[in-house]
């Protein structure tokens, strides 16, 4: 299956998830995440504001802030993804309808200092390849943060045996789902 076919199929399946299912499965992913030594030892974490029935990240963002981690959220500005420092202030709708912190160049964090990146995705493979929405924002950002430990967050049905992967696609170090951790 090509990437676009996989995107369409998984996005369609995800669009039919109930709020109860999303909440329950996100809680299970949260419990797996906070048990990871990579998250416990991280100084700076880029997470994301979930949308469109993605694995919810509010609980893990709160956990990170509570434990004194430097937390960043992605902001798209001028066709570039930036990691912007987040301390709990209200978010507003940004690019593609995704909630973002206010873009302030003073709060942009150098990708080289990010310890862990929690990555959304449409689909992942058992080899830890990631298919996003097709714009390349995460792949271009992750190329600037080769030292960051990359964790894909997904429902079990989003992890496929294999997916098409190109030379510009950045693989994950780990995938966390409600049922398993793939490392």
C-alpha atoms as a PDB file:
ATOM      1  CA  UNK A   1       0.000   0.000   0.000  1.00  0.00           C
ATOM      2  CA  UNK A   2       1.275   3.464  -0.799  1.00  0.00           C
ATOM      3  CA  UNK A   3       1.510   6.230   1.804  1.00  0.00           C
ATOM      4  CA  UNK A   4      -1.580   8.115   0.640  1.00  0.00           C
ATOM      5  CA  UNK A   5      -3.743   5.000   0.729  1.00  0.00           C
ATOM      6  CA  UNK A   6      -2.507   4.247   4.271  1.00  0.00           C
ATOM      7  CA  UNK A   7      -3.133   7.864   5.331  1.00  0.00           C
ATOM      8  CA  UNK A   8      -6.687   7.793   4.003  1.00  0.00           C
ATOM      9  CA  UNK A   9      -7.507   4.416   5.559  1.00  0.00           C
ATOM     10  CA  UNK A  10      -6.076   5.163   9.015  1.00  0.00           C
ATOM     11  CA  UNK A  11      -7.498   8.714   9.162  1.00  0.00           C
ATOM     12  CA  UNK A  12     -10.927   7.301   8.260  1.00  0.00           C
ATOM     13  CA  UNK A  13     -10.675   4.641  10.988  1.00  0.00           C
ATOM     14  CA  UNK A  14      -9.482   7.206  13.528  1.00  0.00           C
ATOM     15  CA  UNK A  15     -12.351   9.565  12.665  1.00  0.00           C
ATOM     16  CA  UNK A  16     -14.865   6.981  13.929  1.00  0.00           C
ATOM     17  CA  UNK A  17     -13.347   6.534  17.397  1.00  0.00           C
ATOM     18  CA  UNK A  18     -15.610   7.390  20.316  1.00  0.00           C
ATOM     19  CA  UNK A  19     -14.491   9.986  22.884  1.00  0.00           C
ATOM     20  CA  UNK A  20     -14.541   7.218  25.530  1.00  0.00           C
ATOM     21  CA  UNK A  21     -12.244   5.009  23.449  1.00  0.00           C
ATOM     22  CA  UNK A  22      -9.819   7.894  22.787  1.00  0.00           C
ATOM     23  CA  UNK A  23      -9.740   8.798  26.480  1.00  0.00           C
ATOM     24  CA  UNK A  24      -9.250   5.199  27.673  1.00  0.00           C
ATOM     25  CA  UNK A  25      -6.513   4.364  25.152  1.00  0.00           C
ATOM     26  CA  UNK A  26      -4.751   7.696  25.737  1.00  0.00           C
ATOM     27  CA  UNK A  27      -4.694   6.958  29.476  1.00  0.00           C
ATOM     28  CA  UNK A  28      -3.070   3.591  28.774  1.00  0.00           C
ATOM     29  CA  UNK A  29      -0.418   5.250  26.585  1.00  0.00           C
ATOM     30  CA  UNK A  30       0.165   7.868  29.320  1.00  0.00           C
ATOM     31  CA  UNK A  31       0.771   5.131  31.912  1.00  0.00           C
ATOM     32  CA  UNK A  32       3.307   3.442  29.640  1.00  0.00           C
ATOM     33  CA  UNK A  33       5.028   6.757  28.860  1.00  0.00           C
ATOM     34  CA  UNK A  34       5.583   7.925  32.427  1.00  0.00           C
ATOM     35  CA  UNK A  35       7.202   4.567  33.235  1.00  0.00           C
ATOM     36  CA  UNK A  36       9.892   5.081  30.576  1.00  0.00           C
ATOM     37  CA  UNK A  37      13.388   5.979  31.807  1.00  0.00           C
ATOM     38  CA  UNK A  38      13.870   8.146  28.703  1.00  0.00           C
ATOM     39  CA  UNK A  39      11.059  10.444  29.838  1.00  0.00           C
ATOM     40  CA  UNK A  40      12.130  10.408  33.482  1.00  0.00           C
ATOM     41  CA  UNK A  41      15.706  11.381  32.551  1.00  0.00           C
ATOM     42  CA  UNK A  42      14.786  13.953  29.889  1.00  0.00           C
ATOM     43  CA  UNK A  43      15.567  17.626  30.454  1.00  0.00           C
ATOM     44  CA  UNK A  44      13.597  19.023  27.527  1.00  0.00           C
ATOM     45  CA  UNK A  45      10.636  17.335  25.797  1.00  0.00           C
ATOM     46  CA  UNK A  46       8.799  18.317  22.644  1.00  0.00           C
ATOM     47  CA  UNK A  47       5.252  17.014  22.866  1.00  0.00           C
ATOM     48  CA  UNK A  48       2.210  17.983  20.776  1.00  0.00           C
ATOM     49  CA  UNK A  49      -1.329  19.276  21.179  1.00  0.00           C
ATOM     50  CA  UNK A  50      -3.522  16.420  19.995  1.00  0.00           C
ATOM     51  CA  UNK A  51      -6.289  16.888  17.444  1.00  0.00           C
ATOM     52  CA  UNK A  52      -8.539  14.767  15.254  1.00  0.00           C
ATOM     53  CA  UNK A  53      -8.653  11.801  17.669  1.00  0.00           C
ATOM     54  CA  UNK A  54      -4.881  11.494  18.038  1.00  0.00           C
ATOM     55  CA  UNK A  55      -3.533   9.986  21.255  1.00  0.00           C
ATOM     56  CA  UNK A  56      -4.236  12.705  23.813  1.00  0.00           C
ATOM     57  CA  UNK A  57      -1.188  14.382  25.343  1.00  0.00           C
ATOM     58  CA  UNK A  58      -2.682  16.674  28.002  1.00  0.00           C
ATOM     59  CA  UNK A  59      -1.933  14.293  30.888  1.00  0.00           C
ATOM     60  CA  UNK A  60       1.674  13.673  29.875  1.00  0.00           C
ATOM     61  CA  UNK A  61       2.228  17.400  29.285  1.00  0.00           C
ATOM     62  CA  UNK A  62       0.941  18.078  32.809  1.00  0.00           C
ATOM     63  CA  UNK A  63       3.178  15.314  34.196  1.00  0.00           C
ATOM     64  CA  UNK A  64       6.218  16.795  32.448  1.00  0.00           C
ATOM     65  CA  UNK A  65       5.503  20.281  33.762  1.00  0.00           C
ATOM     66  CA  UNK A  66       4.865  18.947  37.289  1.00  0.00           C
ATOM     67  CA  UNK A  67       8.214  17.147  37.215  1.00  0.00           C
ATOM     68  CA  UNK A  68      10.097  20.302  36.208  1.00  0.00           C
ATOM     69  CA  UNK A  69      10.862  19.362  32.623  1.00  0.00           C
ATOM     70  CA  UNK A  70      11.284  22.025  29.957  1.00  0.00           C
ATOM     71  CA  UNK A  71       8.264  21.415  27.717  1.00  0.00           C
ATOM     72  CA  UNK A  72       7.920  22.552  24.109  1.00  0.00           C
ATOM     73  CA  UNK A  73       5.070  22.400  21.629  1.00  0.00           C
ATOM     74  CA  UNK A  74       5.363  22.656  17.860  1.00  0.00           C
ATOM     75  CA  UNK A  75       4.403  25.861  16.095  1.00  0.00           C
ATOM     76  CA  UNK A  76       4.279  26.183  12.307  1.00  0.00           C
ATOM     77  CA  UNK A  77       5.450  29.613  11.146  1.00  0.00           C
ATOM     78  CA  UNK A  78       6.475  30.487   7.593  1.00  0.00           C
ATOM     79  CA  UNK A  79       6.310  26.813   6.504  1.00  0.00           C
ATOM     80  CA  UNK A  80       8.742  25.786   9.255  1.00  0.00           C
ATOM     81  CA  UNK A  81       8.124  23.851  12.462  1.00  0.00           C
ATOM     82  CA  UNK A  82       9.604  25.374  15.614  1.00  0.00           C
ATOM     83  CA  UNK A  83       9.752  24.011  19.158  1.00  0.00           C
ATOM     84  CA  UNK A  84       8.294  26.753  21.361  1.00  0.00           C
ATOM     85  CA  UNK A  85       8.665  26.721  25.140  1.00  0.00           C
ATOM     86  CA  UNK A  86       5.354  25.959  26.866  1.00  0.00           C
ATOM     87  CA  UNK A  87       4.662  26.651  30.530  1.00  0.00           C
ATOM     88  CA  UNK A  88       0.915  26.042  30.672  1.00  0.00           C
ATOM     89  CA  UNK A  89      -0.496  29.215  29.092  1.00  0.00           C
ATOM     90  CA  UNK A  90      -3.685  28.897  27.018  1.00  0.00           C
ATOM     91  CA  UNK A  91      -3.229  27.705  23.450  1.00  0.00           C
ATOM     92  CA  UNK A  92      -4.862  29.154  20.371  1.00  0.00           C
ATOM     93  CA  UNK A  93      -5.758  27.611  17.044  1.00  0.00           C
ATOM     94  CA  UNK A  94      -2.816  27.706  14.703  1.00  0.00           C
ATOM     95  CA  UNK A  95      -1.807  26.071  11.468  1.00  0.00           C
ATOM     96  CA  UNK A  96      -4.042  23.283  10.202  1.00  0.00           C
ATOM     97  CA  UNK A  97      -6.474  23.834  13.105  1.00  0.00           C
ATOM     98  CA  UNK A  98      -3.976  22.518  15.679  1.00  0.00           C
ATOM     99  CA  UNK A  99      -3.691  24.269  19.043  1.00  0.00           C
ATOM    100  CA  UNK A 100      -0.362  26.081  19.479  1.00  0.00           C
ATOM    101  CA  UNK A 101       1.299  28.357  22.024  1.00  0.00           C
ATOM    102  CA  UNK A 102       1.818  31.978  21.013  1.00  0.00           C
ATOM    103  CA  UNK A 103       4.782  32.176  18.636  1.00  0.00           C
ATOM    104  CA  UNK A 104       7.502  34.193  20.309  1.00  0.00           C
ATOM    105  CA  UNK A 105      11.021  33.985  18.878  1.00  0.00           C
ATOM    106  CA  UNK A 106      12.331  34.460  22.439  1.00  0.00           C
ATOM    107  CA  UNK A 107      10.679  31.142  23.396  1.00  0.00           C
ATOM    108  CA  UNK A 108      11.961  29.092  20.417  1.00  0.00           C
ATOM    109  CA  UNK A 109      14.081  26.194  21.658  1.00  0.00           C
ATOM    110  CA  UNK A 110      17.080  24.957  19.707  1.00  0.00           C
ATOM    111  CA  UNK A 111      16.328  21.402  18.468  1.00  0.00           C
ATOM    112  CA  UNK A 112      19.829  20.367  19.603  1.00  0.00           C
ATOM    113  CA  UNK A 113      18.821  20.644  23.287  1.00  0.00           C
ATOM    114  CA  UNK A 114      15.665  18.537  23.054  1.00  0.00           C
ATOM    115  CA  UNK A 115      16.065  15.180  24.821  1.00  0.00           C
ATOM    116  CA  UNK A 116      12.798  13.496  23.787  1.00  0.00           C
ATOM    117  CA  UNK A 117      10.259  14.145  21.032  1.00  0.00           C
ATOM    118  CA  UNK A 118       6.757  12.695  21.374  1.00  0.00           C
ATOM    119  CA  UNK A 119       5.592  12.323  17.778  1.00  0.00           C
ATOM    120  CA  UNK A 120       2.096  12.057  16.426  1.00  0.00           C
ATOM    121  CA  UNK A 121       1.629  10.124  13.236  1.00  0.00           C
ATOM    122  CA  UNK A 122      -0.991   8.671  10.976  1.00  0.00           C
ATOM    123  CA  UNK A 123       0.712   5.268  10.849  1.00  0.00           C
ATOM    124  CA  UNK A 124       3.891   3.533  11.967  1.00  0.00           C
ATOM    125  CA  UNK A 125       5.610   0.299  10.988  1.00  0.00           C
ATOM    126  CA  UNK A 126       7.018  -2.420  13.199  1.00  0.00           C
ATOM    127  CA  UNK A 127      10.429  -1.193  11.956  1.00  0.00           C
ATOM    128  CA  UNK A 128       9.491   2.178  13.549  1.00  0.00           C
ATOM    129  CA  UNK A 129       9.010   4.096  10.307  1.00  0.00           C
ATOM    130  CA  UNK A 130       6.467   6.930  10.573  1.00  0.00           C
ATOM    131  CA  UNK A 131       3.891   8.256   8.152  1.00  0.00           C
ATOM    132  CA  UNK A 132       2.675  11.748   8.990  1.00  0.00           C
ATOM    133  CA  UNK A 133       0.229  13.975   7.158  1.00  0.00           C
ATOM    134  CA  UNK A 134       2.579  14.393   4.198  1.00  0.00           C
ATOM    135  CA  UNK A 135       3.882  17.934   4.703  1.00  0.00           C
ATOM    136  CA  UNK A 136       7.284  16.877   6.101  1.00  0.00           C
ATOM    137  CA  UNK A 137       7.314  19.272   9.070  1.00  0.00           C
ATOM    138  CA  UNK A 138       8.311  16.641  11.638  1.00  0.00           C
ATOM    139  CA  UNK A 139      10.902  14.978   9.387  1.00  0.00           C
ATOM    140  CA  UNK A 140      12.617  18.310   8.677  1.00  0.00           C
ATOM    141  CA  UNK A 141      12.526  19.221  12.377  1.00  0.00           C
ATOM    142  CA  UNK A 142      13.797  15.813  13.527  1.00  0.00           C
ATOM    143  CA  UNK A 143      16.694  16.029  11.072  1.00  0.00           C
ATOM    144  CA  UNK A 144      17.877  19.016  13.163  1.00  0.00           C
ATOM    145  CA  UNK A 145      17.606  17.000  16.410  1.00  0.00           C
ATOM    146  CA  UNK A 146      19.452  13.723  15.740  1.00  0.00           C
ATOM    147  CA  UNK A 147      20.259  13.315  19.451  1.00  0.00           C
ATOM    148  CA  UNK A 148      16.591  13.408  20.504  1.00  0.00           C
ATOM    149  CA  UNK A 149      14.946  10.125  21.478  1.00  0.00           C
ATOM    150  CA  UNK A 150      11.918   9.912  19.197  1.00  0.00           C
ATOM    151  CA  UNK A 151       8.763   8.237  20.549  1.00  0.00           C
ATOM    152  CA  UNK A 152       5.783   7.707  18.274  1.00  0.00           C
ATOM    153  CA  UNK A 153       2.388   7.653  20.017  1.00  0.00           C
ATOM    154  CA  UNK A 154      -0.303   5.549  18.376  1.00  0.00           C
ATOM    155  CA  UNK A 155      -3.303   3.305  18.734  1.00  0.00           C
ATOM    156  CA  UNK A 156      -2.544  -0.359  18.105  1.00  0.00           C
ATOM    157  CA  UNK A 157      -4.322  -0.290  14.714  1.00  0.00           C
ATOM    158  CA  UNK A 158      -1.935   2.451  13.539  1.00  0.00           C
ATOM    159  CA  UNK A 159       1.083   0.115  13.754  1.00  0.00           C
ATOM    160  CA  UNK A 160       1.377  -1.847  10.504  1.00  0.00           C
ATOM    161  CA  UNK A 161       3.742  -4.631   9.469  1.00  0.00           C
ATOM    162  CA  UNK A 162       5.527  -2.254   7.098  1.00  0.00           C
ATOM    163  CA  UNK A 163       5.097   1.152   5.495  1.00  0.00           C
ATOM    164  CA  UNK A 164       6.779   2.855   2.564  1.00  0.00           C
ATOM    165  CA  UNK A 165       9.729   4.907   3.773  1.00  0.00           C
ATOM    166  CA  UNK A 166      11.963   7.340   1.898  1.00  0.00           C
ATOM    167  CA  UNK A 167      15.447   8.717   2.581  1.00  0.00           C
ATOM    168  CA  UNK A 168      14.020  11.906   4.156  1.00  0.00           C
ATOM    169  CA  UNK A 169      11.722   9.970   6.549  1.00  0.00           C
ATOM    170  CA  UNK A 170      13.086   9.968  10.095  1.00  0.00           C
ATOM    171  CA  UNK A 171      12.391   6.707  11.988  1.00  0.00           C
ATOM    172  CA  UNK A 172      11.290   6.560  15.606  1.00  0.00           C
ATOM    173  CA  UNK A 173      13.412   5.059  18.384  1.00  0.00           C
ATOM    174  CA  UNK A 174      10.285   3.703  20.043  1.00  0.00           C
ATOM    175  CA  UNK A 175       6.544   3.432  19.512  1.00  0.00           C
ATOM    176  CA  UNK A 176       4.132   3.432  22.449  1.00  0.00           C
ATOM    177  CA  UNK A 177       0.566   2.139  22.058  1.00  0.00           C
ATOM    178  CA  UNK A 178      -2.087   1.192  24.607  1.00  0.00           C
ATOM    179  CA  UNK A 179      -1.023  -2.465  24.408  1.00  0.00           C
ATOM    180  CA  UNK A 180       2.739  -2.458  23.824  1.00  0.00           C
ATOM    181  CA  UNK A 181       6.033  -0.593  23.645  1.00  0.00           C
ATOM    182  CA  UNK A 182       8.032  -1.278  20.490  1.00  0.00           C
ATOM    183  CA  UNK A 183      11.718  -0.464  20.887  1.00  0.00           C
END
